[in-house]
PDB file of N, CA and C in Angstrom:
ATOM      1  N   MET A   1       1.108  -1.094  -0.005  1.00  0.00           N
ATOM      2  CA  MET A   1      -0.192   0.326  -0.482  1.00  0.00           C
ATOM      3  C   MET A   1       0.712   1.238  -0.197  1.00  0.00           C
ATOM      4  N   ARG A   2       0.830   2.228  -0.505  1.00  0.00           N
ATOM      5  CA  ARG A   2       1.324   3.259  -1.130  1.00  0.00           C
ATOM      6  C   ARG A   2       0.864   4.203   0.209  1.00  0.00           C
ATOM      7  N   THR A   3       1.965   5.031   0.307  1.00  0.00           N
ATOM      8  CA  THR A   3       1.589   6.326   1.251  1.00  0.00           C
ATOM      9  C   THR A   3       1.767   7.446   1.149  1.00  0.00           C
ATOM     10  N   ALA A   4       1.380   8.437   0.628  1.00  0.00           N
ATOM     11  CA  ALA A   4       2.286   9.723   0.366  1.00  0.00           C
ATOM     12  C   ALA A   4       2.678  10.084   1.115  1.00  0.00           C
ATOM     13  N   ARG A   5       3.651  11.324   1.252  1.00  0.00           N
ATOM     14  CA  ARG A   5       4.164  12.352   2.029  1.00  0.00           C
ATOM     15  C   ARG A   5       3.215  13.266   2.827  1.00  0.00           C
ATOM     16  N   PRO A   6       3.324  12.949   3.833  1.00  0.00           N
ATOM     17  CA  PRO A   6       1.881  14.464   3.949  1.00  0.00           C
ATOM     18  C   PRO A   6       1.823  15.921   3.792  1.00  0.00           C
ATOM     19  N   GLY A   7       0.404  16.026   3.167  1.00  0.00           N
ATOM     20  CA  GLY A   7       0.033  17.097   2.493  1.00  0.00           C
ATOM     21  C   GLY A   7      -0.037  18.391   3.445  1.00  0.00           C
ATOM     22  N   ARG A   8       0.135  19.489   2.809  1.00  0.00           N
ATOM     23  CA  ARG A   8       0.296  20.690   3.176  1.00  0.00           C
ATOM     24  C   ARG A   8      -1.258  21.242   4.062  1.00  0.00           C
ATOM     25  N   PRO A   9      -1.170  21.305   5.133  1.00  0.00           N
ATOM     26  CA  PRO A   9      -2.447  21.641   5.489  1.00  0.00           C
ATOM     27  C   PRO A   9      -2.989  22.642   5.501  1.00  0.00           C
ATOM     28  N   GLU A  10      -2.527  23.757   4.668  1.00  0.00           N
ATOM     29  CA  GLU A  10      -3.197  25.017   4.295  1.00  0.00           C
ATOM     30  C   GLU A  10      -3.765  24.975   2.610  1.00  0.00           C
ATOM     31  N   ILE A  11      -3.665  23.773   2.264  1.00  0.00           N
ATOM     32  CA  ILE A  11      -4.342  23.527   0.645  1.00  0.00           C
ATOM     33  C   ILE A  11      -5.371  23.051   1.032  1.00  0.00           C
ATOM     34  N   ALA A  12      -6.552  22.562   0.388  1.00  0.00           N
ATOM     35  CA  ALA A  12      -7.319  21.896   0.154  1.00  0.00           C
ATOM     36  C   ALA A  12      -7.827  21.233  -1.388  1.00  0.00           C
ATOM     37  N   VAL A  13      -8.677  20.561  -1.288  1.00  0.00           N
ATOM     38  CA  VAL A  13      -9.589  19.921  -2.497  1.00  0.00           C
ATOM     39  C   VAL A  13     -10.734  19.695  -1.814  1.00  0.00           C
ATOM     40  N   ALA A  14     -11.690  20.832  -2.623  1.00  0.00           N
ATOM     41  CA  ALA A  14     -13.125  20.557  -2.182  1.00  0.00           C
ATOM     42  C   ALA A  14     -13.879  19.619  -3.128  1.00  0.00           C
ATOM     43  N   TYR A  15     -14.763  18.759  -2.164  1.00  0.00           N
ATOM     44  CA  TYR A  15     -15.858  17.847  -3.046  1.00  0.00           C
ATOM     45  C   TYR A  15     -17.087  18.166  -2.568  1.00  0.00           C
ATOM     46  N   LEU A  16     -17.597  17.822  -3.796  1.00  0.00           N
ATOM     47  CA  LEU A  16     -19.301  18.081  -3.197  1.00  0.00           C
ATOM     48  C   LEU A  16     -20.137  16.570  -3.961  1.00  0.00           C
ATOM     49  N   ARG A  17     -21.059  16.735  -3.437  1.00  0.00           N
ATOM     50  CA  ARG A  17     -21.826  15.300  -4.007  1.00  0.00           C
ATOM     51  C   ARG A  17     -23.141  15.868  -3.747  1.00  0.00           C
ATOM     52  N   VAL A  18     -24.026  15.377  -5.271  1.00  0.00           N
ATOM     53  CA  VAL A  18     -25.811  16.058  -4.861  1.00  0.00           C
ATOM     54  C   VAL A  18     -26.098  15.006  -5.345  1.00  0.00           C
ATOM     55  N   SER A  19     -26.972  13.778  -4.649  1.00  0.00           N
ATOM     56  CA  SER A  19     -27.747  12.776  -5.214  1.00  0.00           C
ATOM     57  C   SER A  19     -29.100  13.183  -6.143  1.00  0.00           C
ATOM     58  N   THR A  20     -29.706  12.447  -6.430  1.00  0.00           N
ATOM     59  CA  THR A  20     -30.898  12.682  -7.464  1.00  0.00           C
ATOM     60  C   THR A  20     -32.020  13.088  -6.278  1.00  0.00           C
ATOM     61  N   GLU A  21     -32.076  12.398  -5.530  1.00  0.00           N
ATOM     62  CA  GLU A  21     -33.366  12.268  -4.362  1.00  0.00           C
ATOM     63  C   GLU A  21     -33.205  13.165  -3.195  1.00  0.00           C
ATOM     64  N   ASP A  22     -31.860  13.355  -3.388  1.00  0.00           N
ATOM     65  CA  ASP A  22     -31.779  14.821  -1.947  1.00  0.00           C
ATOM     66  C   ASP A  22     -31.530  15.803  -2.147  1.00  0.00           C
ATOM     67  N   GLN A  23     -31.927  16.710  -1.869  1.00  0.00           N
ATOM     68  CA  GLN A  23     -31.426  18.366  -2.974  1.00  0.00           C
ATOM     69  C   GLN A  23     -31.490  19.073  -1.770  1.00  0.00           C
ATOM     70  N   ARG A  24     -31.671  18.491  -0.381  1.00  0.00           N
ATOM     71  CA  ARG A  24     -31.509  19.854   0.959  1.00  0.00           C
ATOM     72  C   ARG A  24     -30.381  20.516   0.809  1.00  0.00           C
ATOM     73  N   LEU A  25     -29.349  19.752   0.560  1.00  0.00           N
ATOM     74  CA  LEU A  25     -27.718  20.586   0.383  1.00  0.00           C
ATOM     75  C   LEU A  25     -27.375  20.463  -0.752  1.00  0.00           C
ATOM     76  N   GLY A  26     -27.770  21.305  -1.600  1.00  0.00           N
ATOM     77  CA  GLY A  26     -27.106  21.407  -3.227  1.00  0.00           C
ATOM     78  C   GLY A  26     -26.130  21.836  -3.053  1.00  0.00           C
ATOM     79  N   PRO A  27     -25.468  21.663  -4.510  1.00  0.00           N
ATOM     80  CA  PRO A  27     -24.480  22.350  -4.816  1.00  0.00           C
ATOM     81  C   PRO A  27     -23.507  23.632  -4.293  1.00  0.00           C
ATOM     82  N   GLU A  28     -24.860  24.333  -4.856  1.00  0.00           N
ATOM     83  CA  GLU A  28     -24.225  26.395  -3.948  1.00  0.00           C
ATOM     84  C   GLU A  28     -24.484  26.070  -2.689  1.00  0.00           C
ATOM     85  N   ALA A  29     -25.358  25.720  -1.543  1.00  0.00           N
ATOM     86  CA  ALA A  29     -24.787  25.338  -0.628  1.00  0.00           C
ATOM     87  C   ALA A  29     -23.597  24.662   0.271  1.00  0.00           C
ATOM     88  N   GLN A  30     -23.347  23.738  -0.623  1.00  0.00           N
ATOM     89  CA  GLN A  30     -22.029  22.846  -0.078  1.00  0.00           C
ATOM     90  C   GLN A  30     -21.000  23.862  -0.285  1.00  0.00           C
ATOM     91  N   ARG A  31     -20.924  24.691  -1.429  1.00  0.00           N
ATOM     92  CA  ARG A  31     -19.913  25.600  -1.920  1.00  0.00           C
ATOM     93  C   ARG A  31     -19.760  26.784  -0.998  1.00  0.00           C
ATOM     94  N   ALA A  32     -20.825  27.266  -0.496  1.00  0.00           N
ATOM     95  CA  ALA A  32     -20.583  28.595   0.181  1.00  0.00           C
ATOM     96  C   ALA A  32     -20.224  27.607   1.761  1.00  0.00           C
ATOM     97  N   ALA A  33     -20.549  26.753   2.025  1.00  0.00           N
ATOM     98  CA  ALA A  33     -20.157  26.029   3.586  1.00  0.00           C
ATOM     99  C   ALA A  33     -18.845  25.945   3.576  1.00  0.00           C
ATOM    100  N   ILE A  34     -18.274  25.514   2.551  1.00  0.00           N
ATOM    101  CA  ILE A  34     -17.047  25.105   2.284  1.00  0.00           C
ATOM    102  C   ILE A  34     -15.844  26.724   2.487  1.00  0.00           C
ATOM    103  N   GLU A  35     -16.866  27.119   1.437  1.00  0.00           N
ATOM    104  CA  GLU A  35     -15.626  28.458   1.215  1.00  0.00           C
ATOM    105  C   GLU A  35     -15.887  29.378   2.919  1.00  0.00           C
ATOM    106  N   GLN A  36     -16.587  29.368   3.592  1.00  0.00           N
ATOM    107  CA  GLN A  36     -16.710  30.390   4.300  1.00  0.00           C
ATOM    108  C   GLN A  36     -15.418  29.416   5.324  1.00  0.00           C
ATOM    109  N   TRP A  37     -15.680  28.368   5.768  1.00  0.00           N
ATOM    110  CA  TRP A  37     -15.147  27.280   6.225  1.00  0.00           C
ATOM    111  C   TRP A  37     -13.291  27.674   5.851  1.00  0.00           C
ATOM    112  N   ALA A  38     -13.042  27.486   4.984  1.00  0.00           N
ATOM    113  CA  ALA A  38     -11.862  27.796   4.089  1.00  0.00           C
ATOM    114  C   ALA A  38     -11.429  29.290   4.747  1.00  0.00           C
ATOM    115  N   LYS A  39     -12.388  29.948   4.335  1.00  0.00           N
ATOM    116  CA  LYS A  39     -11.661  31.700   4.764  1.00  0.00           C
ATOM    117  C   LYS A  39     -11.587  31.820   6.218  1.00  0.00           C
ATOM    118  N   ARG A  40     -12.114  31.361   6.990  1.00  0.00           N
ATOM    119  CA  ARG A  40     -12.215  31.250   8.697  1.00  0.00           C
ATOM    120  C   ARG A  40     -10.807  30.607   9.337  1.00  0.00           C
ATOM    121  N   GLU A  41     -10.254  29.841   8.319  1.00  0.00           N
ATOM    122  CA  GLU A  41      -9.361  28.734   9.156  1.00  0.00           C
ATOM    123  C   GLU A  41      -7.981  29.173   7.946  1.00  0.00           C
ATOM    124  N   ASN A  42      -8.546  30.123   6.691  1.00  0.00           N
ATOM    125  CA  ASN A  42      -6.925  29.960   6.342  1.00  0.00           C
ATOM    126  C   ASN A  42      -6.595  29.130   5.668  1.00  0.00           C
ATOM    127  N   VAL A  43      -7.204  28.639   4.975  1.00  0.00           N
ATOM    128  CA  VAL A  43      -7.145  27.367   4.187  1.00  0.00           C
ATOM    129  C   VAL A  43      -7.176  27.969   2.454  1.00  0.00           C
ATOM    130  N   THR A  44      -6.600  27.469   1.173  1.00  0.00           N
ATOM    131  CA  THR A  44      -6.733  27.822  -0.453  1.00  0.00           C
ATOM    132  C   THR A  44      -7.671  26.600  -0.620  1.00  0.00           C
ATOM    133  N   VAL A  45      -8.476  26.646  -0.937  1.00  0.00           N
ATOM    134  CA  VAL A  45      -8.907  25.461  -2.107  1.00  0.00           C
ATOM    135  C   VAL A  45      -8.567  25.776  -3.122  1.00  0.00           C
ATOM    136  N   VAL A  46      -7.512  24.746  -3.763  1.00  0.00           N
ATOM    137  CA  VAL A  46      -7.126  24.893  -5.178  1.00  0.00           C
ATOM    138  C   VAL A  46      -7.735  24.197  -6.362  1.00  0.00           C
ATOM    139  N   ALA A  47      -8.793  23.018  -5.806  1.00  0.00           N
ATOM    140  CA  ALA A  47      -9.462  22.990  -6.774  1.00  0.00           C
ATOM    141  C   ALA A  47     -10.925  22.062  -6.508  1.00  0.00           C
ATOM    142  N   TRP A  48     -11.969  22.384  -6.912  1.00  0.00           N
ATOM    143  CA  TRP A  48     -13.462  22.030  -7.058  1.00  0.00           C
ATOM    144  C   TRP A  48     -13.546  20.549  -7.258  1.00  0.00           C
ATOM    145  N   HIS A  49     -14.489  19.824  -6.859  1.00  0.00           N
ATOM    146  CA  HIS A  49     -15.283  18.371  -8.008  1.00  0.00           C
ATOM    147  C   HIS A  49     -16.594  18.278  -7.586  1.00  0.00           C
ATOM    148  N   THR A  50     -17.343  17.669  -8.246  1.00  0.00           N
ATOM    149  CA  THR A  50     -18.477  17.163  -7.844  1.00  0.00           C
ATOM    150  C   THR A  50     -19.337  15.883  -8.725  1.00  0.00           C
ATOM    151  N   ASP A  51     -19.591  15.414  -7.986  1.00  0.00           N
ATOM    152  CA  ASP A  51     -20.410  14.038  -8.732  1.00  0.00           C
ATOM    153  C   ASP A  51     -22.264  14.398  -8.467  1.00  0.00           C
ATOM    154  N   GLN A  52     -22.720  15.157  -9.268  1.00  0.00           N
ATOM    155  CA  GLN A  52     -23.690  14.896 -10.034  1.00  0.00           C
ATOM    156  C   GLN A  52     -24.792  13.495 -10.147  1.00  0.00           C
ATOM    157  N   GLY A  53     -26.006  13.434  -9.220  1.00  0.00           N
ATOM    158  CA  GLY A  53     -26.661  12.314  -9.233  1.00  0.00           C
ATOM    159  C   GLY A  53     -25.880  11.114  -9.005  1.00  0.00           C
ATOM    160  N   VAL A  54     -25.089  11.202  -8.157  1.00  0.00           N
ATOM    161  CA  VAL A  54     -24.292   9.859  -7.146  1.00  0.00           C
ATOM    162  C   VAL A  54     -24.799   9.956  -5.514  1.00  0.00           C
ATOM    163  N   GLY A  55     -25.340   8.584  -5.992  1.00  0.00           N
ATOM    164  CA  GLY A  55     -26.098   8.288  -4.355  1.00  0.00           C
ATOM    165  C   GLY A  55     -25.059   8.016  -3.353  1.00  0.00           C
ATOM    166  N   GLY A  56     -25.255   8.544  -2.562  1.00  0.00           N
ATOM    167  CA  GLY A  56     -24.422   8.113  -1.421  1.00  0.00           C
ATOM    168  C   GLY A  56     -23.416   6.683  -0.820  1.00  0.00           C
ATOM    169  N   GLY A  57     -24.046   5.454  -1.267  1.00  0.00           N
ATOM    170  CA  GLY A  57     -23.706   4.358  -1.192  1.00  0.00           C
ATOM    171  C   GLY A  57     -22.702   4.070  -2.131  1.00  0.00           C
ATOM    172  N   SER A  58     -22.597   4.789  -3.415  1.00  0.00           N
ATOM    173  CA  SER A  58     -21.559   4.432  -4.293  1.00  0.00           C
ATOM    174  C   SER A  58     -20.606   4.035  -4.272  1.00  0.00           C
ATOM    175  N   GLU A  59     -19.559   3.585  -4.767  1.00  0.00           N
ATOM    176  CA  GLU A  59     -18.117   2.596  -4.504  1.00  0.00           C
ATOM    177  C   GLU A  59     -17.433   3.936  -5.114  1.00  0.00           C
ATOM    178  N   LEU A  60     -16.426   4.305  -4.748  1.00  0.00           N
ATOM    179  CA  LEU A  60     -15.681   4.911  -5.127  1.00  0.00           C
ATOM    180  C   LEU A  60     -15.075   5.002  -6.639  1.00  0.00           C
ATOM    181  N   GLU A  61     -15.372   3.917  -6.931  1.00  0.00           N
ATOM    182  CA  GLU A  61     -15.052   3.755  -8.692  1.00  0.00           C
ATOM    183  C   GLU A  61     -16.299   3.965  -9.527  1.00  0.00           C
ATOM    184  N   ASP A  62     -17.343   4.958  -8.521  1.00  0.00           N
ATOM    185  CA  ASP A  62     -18.635   5.362  -9.420  1.00  0.00           C
ATOM    186  C   ASP A  62     -18.392   6.582  -9.161  1.00  0.00           C
ATOM    187  N   ARG A  63     -17.640   7.258  -9.037  1.00  0.00           N
ATOM    188  CA  ARG A  63     -17.586   8.497  -8.188  1.00  0.00           C
ATOM    189  C   ARG A  63     -16.149   9.358  -9.489  1.00  0.00           C
ATOM    190  N   PRO A  64     -16.574   9.914 -10.698  1.00  0.00           N
ATOM    191  CA  PRO A  64     -15.526  10.446 -11.583  1.00  0.00           C
ATOM    192  C   PRO A  64     -14.648  11.572 -10.372  1.00  0.00           C
ATOM    193  N   GLY A  65     -16.042  12.376  -9.703  1.00  0.00           N
ATOM    194  CA  GLY A  65     -15.250  13.777  -9.589  1.00  0.00           C
ATOM    195  C   GLY A  65     -14.900  13.383  -8.464  1.00  0.00           C
ATOM    196  N   LEU A  66     -14.633  12.536  -7.578  1.00  0.00           N
ATOM    197  CA  LEU A  66     -14.257  12.094  -6.406  1.00  0.00           C
ATOM    198  C   LEU A  66     -12.780  11.509  -6.627  1.00  0.00           C
ATOM    199  N   LEU A  67     -12.785  10.564  -7.722  1.00  0.00           N
ATOM    200  CA  LEU A  67     -11.286   9.889  -8.699  1.00  0.00           C
ATOM    201  C   LEU A  67     -10.501  11.740  -8.817  1.00  0.00           C
ATOM    202  N   ASN A  68     -10.968  12.584  -9.491  1.00  0.00           N
ATOM    203  CA  ASN A  68     -10.599  13.549  -9.939  1.00  0.00           C
ATOM    204  C   ASN A  68      -9.526  14.055  -9.035  1.00  0.00           C
ATOM    205  N   ALA A  69     -10.686  14.456  -7.765  1.00  0.00           N
ATOM    206  CA  ALA A  69     -10.065  15.016  -6.450  1.00  0.00           C
ATOM    207  C   ALA A  69      -9.250  14.208  -5.743  1.00  0.00           C
ATOM    208  N   LEU A  70      -8.962  12.922  -5.875  1.00  0.00           N
ATOM    209  CA  LEU A  70      -8.071  11.968  -5.335  1.00  0.00           C
ATOM    210  C   LEU A  70      -6.745  12.577  -5.801  1.00  0.00           C
ATOM    211  N   GLY A  71      -6.652  12.998  -7.178  1.00  0.00           N
ATOM    212  CA  GLY A  71      -5.663  13.173  -8.318  1.00  0.00           C
ATOM    213  C   GLY A  71      -5.148  14.653  -7.647  1.00  0.00           C
ATOM    214  N   ASP A  72      -6.114  15.427  -7.737  1.00  0.00           N
ATOM    215  CA  ASP A  72      -5.314  16.644  -7.298  1.00  0.00           C
ATOM    216  C   ASP A  72      -5.265  16.925  -5.837  1.00  0.00           C
ATOM    217  N   LEU A  73      -5.331  15.998  -5.256  1.00  0.00           N
ATOM    218  CA  LEU A  73      -4.836  15.744  -3.670  1.00  0.00           C
ATOM    219  C   LEU A  73      -2.998  15.654  -3.941  1.00  0.00           C
ATOM    220  N   ARG A  74      -2.839  14.347  -4.671  1.00  0.00           N
ATOM    221  CA  ARG A  74      -1.794  14.056  -5.283  1.00  0.00           C
ATOM    222  C   ARG A  74      -1.023  15.488  -5.562  1.00  0.00           C
ATOM    223  N   GLU A  75      -1.563  15.855  -6.529  1.00  0.00           N
ATOM    224  CA  GLU A  75      -0.592  16.776  -7.726  1.00  0.00           C
ATOM    225  C   GLU A  75      -0.488  17.955  -6.877  1.00  0.00           C
ATOM    226  N   ASN A  76      -1.384  18.482  -5.707  1.00  0.00           N
ATOM    227  CA  ASN A  76      -1.463  19.814  -5.267  1.00  0.00           C
ATOM    228  C   ASN A  76      -0.632  19.501  -3.760  1.00  0.00           C
ATOM    229  N   ARG A  77      -0.401  18.305  -3.518  1.00  0.00           N
ATOM    230  CA  ARG A  77      -0.011  17.768  -2.132  1.00  0.00           C
ATOM    231  C   ARG A  77      -0.617  18.585  -1.177  1.00  0.00           C
ATOM    232  N   ALA A  78      -1.785  18.366  -1.368  1.00  0.00           N
ATOM    233  CA  ALA A  78      -3.104  19.277  -0.691  1.00  0.00           C
ATOM    234  C   ALA A  78      -3.262  18.261   0.789  1.00  0.00           C
ATOM    235  N   GLY A  79      -3.197  18.828   1.983  1.00  0.00           N
ATOM    236  CA  GLY A  79      -3.663  18.099   3.224  1.00  0.00           C
ATOM    237  C   GLY A  79      -5.033  17.795   3.357  1.00  0.00           C
ATOM    238  N   LEU A  80      -5.733  18.409   2.631  1.00  0.00           N
ATOM    239  CA  LEU A  80      -7.546  17.916   3.211  1.00  0.00           C
ATOM    240  C   LEU A  80      -8.296  18.016   1.651  1.00  0.00           C
ATOM    241  N   LEU A  81      -9.171  17.289   2.360  1.00  0.00           N
ATOM    242  CA  LEU A  81     -10.537  16.735   1.142  1.00  0.00           C
ATOM    243  C   LEU A  81     -11.616  17.734   2.539  1.00  0.00           C
ATOM    244  N   LEU A  82     -11.953  18.886   1.797  1.00  0.00           N
ATOM    245  CA  LEU A  82     -13.227  19.251   2.222  1.00  0.00           C
ATOM    246  C   LEU A  82     -14.562  18.775   1.461  1.00  0.00           C
ATOM    247  N   VAL A  83     -15.990  18.834   2.435  1.00  0.00           N
ATOM    248  CA  VAL A  83     -16.785  18.121   2.128  1.00  0.00           C
ATOM    249  C   VAL A  83     -18.002  19.286   3.507  1.00  0.00           C
ATOM    250  N   ALA A  84     -19.129  19.388   3.030  1.00  0.00           N
ATOM    251  CA  ALA A  84     -19.431  20.183   3.545  1.00  0.00           C
ATOM    252  C   ALA A  84     -20.167  19.500   4.579  1.00  0.00           C
ATOM    253  N   ARG A  85     -20.508  18.209   4.685  1.00  0.00           N
ATOM    254  CA  ARG A  85     -20.884  17.025   5.401  1.00  0.00           C
ATOM    255  C   ARG A  85     -20.426  15.895   5.074  1.00  0.00           C
ATOM    256  N   ARG A  86     -20.242  15.252   6.000  1.00  0.00           N
ATOM    257  CA  ARG A  86     -20.263  13.693   6.512  1.00  0.00           C
ATOM    258  C   ARG A  86     -20.572  13.222   5.215  1.00  0.00           C
ATOM    259  N   ASP A  87     -21.943  13.424   5.651  1.00  0.00           N
ATOM    260  CA  ASP A  87     -23.210  12.156   4.124  1.00  0.00           C
ATOM    261  C   ASP A  87     -22.934  13.173   2.747  1.00  0.00           C
ATOM    262  N   ARG A  88     -22.112  13.745   2.853  1.00  0.00           N
ATOM    263  CA  ARG A  88     -21.636  14.054   1.172  1.00  0.00           C
ATOM    264  C   ARG A  88     -20.759  13.579   0.964  1.00  0.00           C
ATOM    265  N   LEU A  89     -19.636  12.665   1.532  1.00  0.00           N
ATOM    266  CA  LEU A  89     -18.651  11.630   1.757  1.00  0.00           C
ATOM    267  C   LEU A  89     -19.208  10.917   0.786  1.00  0.00           C
ATOM    268  N   ALA A  90     -19.860  10.319   2.224  1.00  0.00           N
ATOM    269  CA  ALA A  90     -20.618   8.475   1.693  1.00  0.00           C
ATOM    270  C   ALA A  90     -21.521   8.579   3.024  1.00  0.00           C
ATOM    271  N   ARG A  91     -22.589   7.992   2.373  1.00  0.00           N
ATOM    272  CA  ARG A  91     -24.075   7.514   3.340  1.00  0.00           C
ATOM    273  C   ARG A  91     -23.712   6.055   4.026  1.00  0.00           C
ATOM    274  N   ASP A  92     -22.973   5.143   3.487  1.00  0.00           N
ATOM    275  CA  ASP A  92     -22.715   4.006   3.688  1.00  0.00           C
ATOM    276  C   ASP A  92     -21.435   4.033   4.514  1.00  0.00           C
ATOM    277  N   VAL A  93     -21.341   3.324   5.581  1.00  0.00           N
ATOM    278  CA  VAL A  93     -19.842   3.848   6.494  1.00  0.00           C
ATOM    279  C   VAL A  93     -18.997   2.415   6.053  1.00  0.00           C
ATOM    280  N   HIS A  94     -19.435   1.347   5.295  1.00  0.00           N
ATOM    281  CA  HIS A  94     -18.122   0.813   4.752  1.00  0.00           C
ATOM    282  C   HIS A  94     -17.085   1.778   3.644  1.00  0.00           C
ATOM    283  N   VAL A  95     -18.152   2.315   2.685  1.00  0.00           N
ATOM    284  CA  VAL A  95     -17.774   3.277   1.349  1.00  0.00           C
ATOM    285  C   VAL A  95     -17.308   4.441   2.254  1.00  0.00           C
ATOM    286  N   ALA A  96     -17.583   5.047   2.978  1.00  0.00           N
ATOM    287  CA  ALA A  96     -16.669   5.943   3.812  1.00  0.00           C
ATOM    288  C   ALA A  96     -15.204   5.647   4.504  1.00  0.00           C
ATOM    289  N   ILE A  97     -15.155   4.619   4.467  1.00  0.00           N
ATOM    290  CA  ILE A  97     -13.990   4.020   5.459  1.00  0.00           C
ATOM    291  C   ILE A  97     -13.161   3.826   3.808  1.00  0.00           C
ATOM    292  N   VAL A  98     -13.600   3.273   3.134  1.00  0.00           N
ATOM    293  CA  VAL A  98     -12.624   3.456   1.822  1.00  0.00           C
ATOM    294  C   VAL A  98     -12.354   4.489   1.312  1.00  0.00           C
ATOM    295  N   ILE A  99     -13.318   5.558   1.329  1.00  0.00           N
ATOM    296  CA  ILE A  99     -12.509   6.575   0.398  1.00  0.00           C
ATOM    297  C   ILE A  99     -11.908   7.140   1.500  1.00  0.00           C
ATOM    298  N   GLU A 100     -11.851   6.915   3.048  1.00  0.00           N
ATOM    299  CA  GLU A 100     -10.565   7.856   4.166  1.00  0.00           C
ATOM    300  C   GLU A 100      -9.650   7.067   3.751  1.00  0.00           C
ATOM    301  N   ARG A 101      -9.696   5.960   4.028  1.00  0.00           N
ATOM    302  CA  ARG A 101      -8.327   5.533   3.568  1.00  0.00           C
ATOM    303  C   ARG A 101      -7.364   5.640   1.912  1.00  0.00           C
ATOM    304  N   ALA A 102      -8.287   6.100   0.877  1.00  0.00           N
ATOM    305  CA  ALA A 102      -8.098   7.022  -0.296  1.00  0.00           C
ATOM    306  C   ALA A 102      -7.135   7.859  -0.035  1.00  0.00           C
ATOM    307  N   VAL A 103      -7.948   9.012   0.679  1.00  0.00           N
ATOM    308  CA  VAL A 103      -7.763  10.306   1.253  1.00  0.00           C
ATOM    309  C   VAL A 103      -6.581  10.191   2.088  1.00  0.00           C
ATOM    310  N   GLY A 104      -6.350   9.198   2.704  1.00  0.00           N
ATOM    311  CA  GLY A 104      -4.843   9.145   3.312  1.00  0.00           C
ATOM    312  C   GLY A 104      -3.766   8.516   2.937  1.00  0.00           C
ATOM    313  N   ARG A 105      -3.973   7.772   2.221  1.00  0.00           N
ATOM    314  CA  ARG A 105      -2.818   7.694   1.427  1.00  0.00           C
ATOM    315  C   ARG A 105      -2.270   8.080  -0.007  1.00  0.00           C
ATOM    316  N   GLU A 106      -3.277   9.426  -0.062  1.00  0.00           N
ATOM    317  CA  GLU A 106      -2.555  10.550  -0.352  1.00  0.00           C
ATOM    318  C   GLU A 106      -2.142  11.477   0.153  1.00  0.00           C
ATOM    319  N   GLY A 107      -2.050  11.068   1.569  1.00  0.00           N
ATOM    320  CA  GLY A 107      -1.368  12.168   2.525  1.00  0.00           C
ATOM    321  C   GLY A 107      -2.163  13.159   3.172  1.00  0.00           C
ATOM    322  N   ALA A 108      -3.686  13.066   3.095  1.00  0.00           N
ATOM    323  CA  ALA A 108      -4.440  14.026   3.386  1.00  0.00           C
ATOM    324  C   ALA A 108      -5.339  13.048   4.022  1.00  0.00           C
ATOM    325  N   ARG A 109      -6.387  14.052   5.136  1.00  0.00           N
ATOM    326  CA  ARG A 109      -7.478  13.946   5.750  1.00  0.00           C
ATOM    327  C   ARG A 109      -8.517  14.910   5.190  1.00  0.00           C
ATOM    328  N   VAL A 110      -9.619  14.060   5.456  1.00  0.00           N
ATOM    329  CA  VAL A 110     -11.044  14.434   5.320  1.00  0.00           C
ATOM    330  C   VAL A 110     -11.566  15.876   6.695  1.00  0.00           C
ATOM    331  N   VAL A 111     -11.825  16.647   5.576  1.00  0.00           N
ATOM    332  CA  VAL A 111     -12.840  17.483   7.006  1.00  0.00           C
ATOM    333  C   VAL A 111     -13.844  18.139   6.607  1.00  0.00           C
ATOM    334  N   SER A 112     -14.808  18.051   7.294  1.00  0.00           N
ATOM    335  CA  SER A 112     -16.018  17.546   6.960  1.00  0.00           C
ATOM    336  C   SER A 112     -16.719  19.241   7.778  1.00  0.00           C
ATOM    337  N   GLU A 113     -16.595  20.566   7.314  1.00  0.00           N
ATOM    338  CA  GLU A 113     -16.745  21.701   7.498  1.00  0.00           C
ATOM    339  C   GLU A 113     -18.206  21.924   8.499  1.00  0.00           C
ATOM    340  N   LEU A 114     -19.410  21.326   8.113  1.00  0.00           N
ATOM    341  CA  LEU A 114     -20.486  21.873   9.410  1.00  0.00           C
ATOM    342  C   LEU A 114     -20.755  20.738  10.031  1.00  0.00           C
ATOM    343  N   ASP A 115     -20.114  19.481   9.837  1.00  0.00           N
ATOM    344  CA  ASP A 115     -20.044  18.570  11.347  1.00  0.00           C
ATOM    345  C   ASP A 115     -19.005  19.043  12.455  1.00  0.00           C
ATOM    346  N   ALA A 116     -17.959  20.288  11.748  1.00  0.00           N
ATOM    347  CA  ALA A 116     -16.803  20.546  12.866  1.00  0.00           C
ATOM    348  C   ALA A 116     -17.256  21.125  13.888  1.00  0.00           C
TER     349      ALA A 116
END
């Protein structure tokens, strides 16, 4: 298992997920929440990725936006993957674990703005 050197905690990649059935926290609201947190914490968001119409139980390989976000974590040596809420990352605990491990392999950690 490859583990990247630790990413820079002042650099982040943002991930938005919007399923088809639940629009209470749409992409605009997610982006605004992440932007507010990043400004407050002096964190620079270098890339934004969205998976539109993807359910919270979808596997990592079924999330092109998240796969691109992982690539940007690596490319930018970002230390954070920002999501507005944990359920935007995944609703299934097993899927969430797989995603968090993939983020960790890139030298980063997941930060959930609204859950913080």
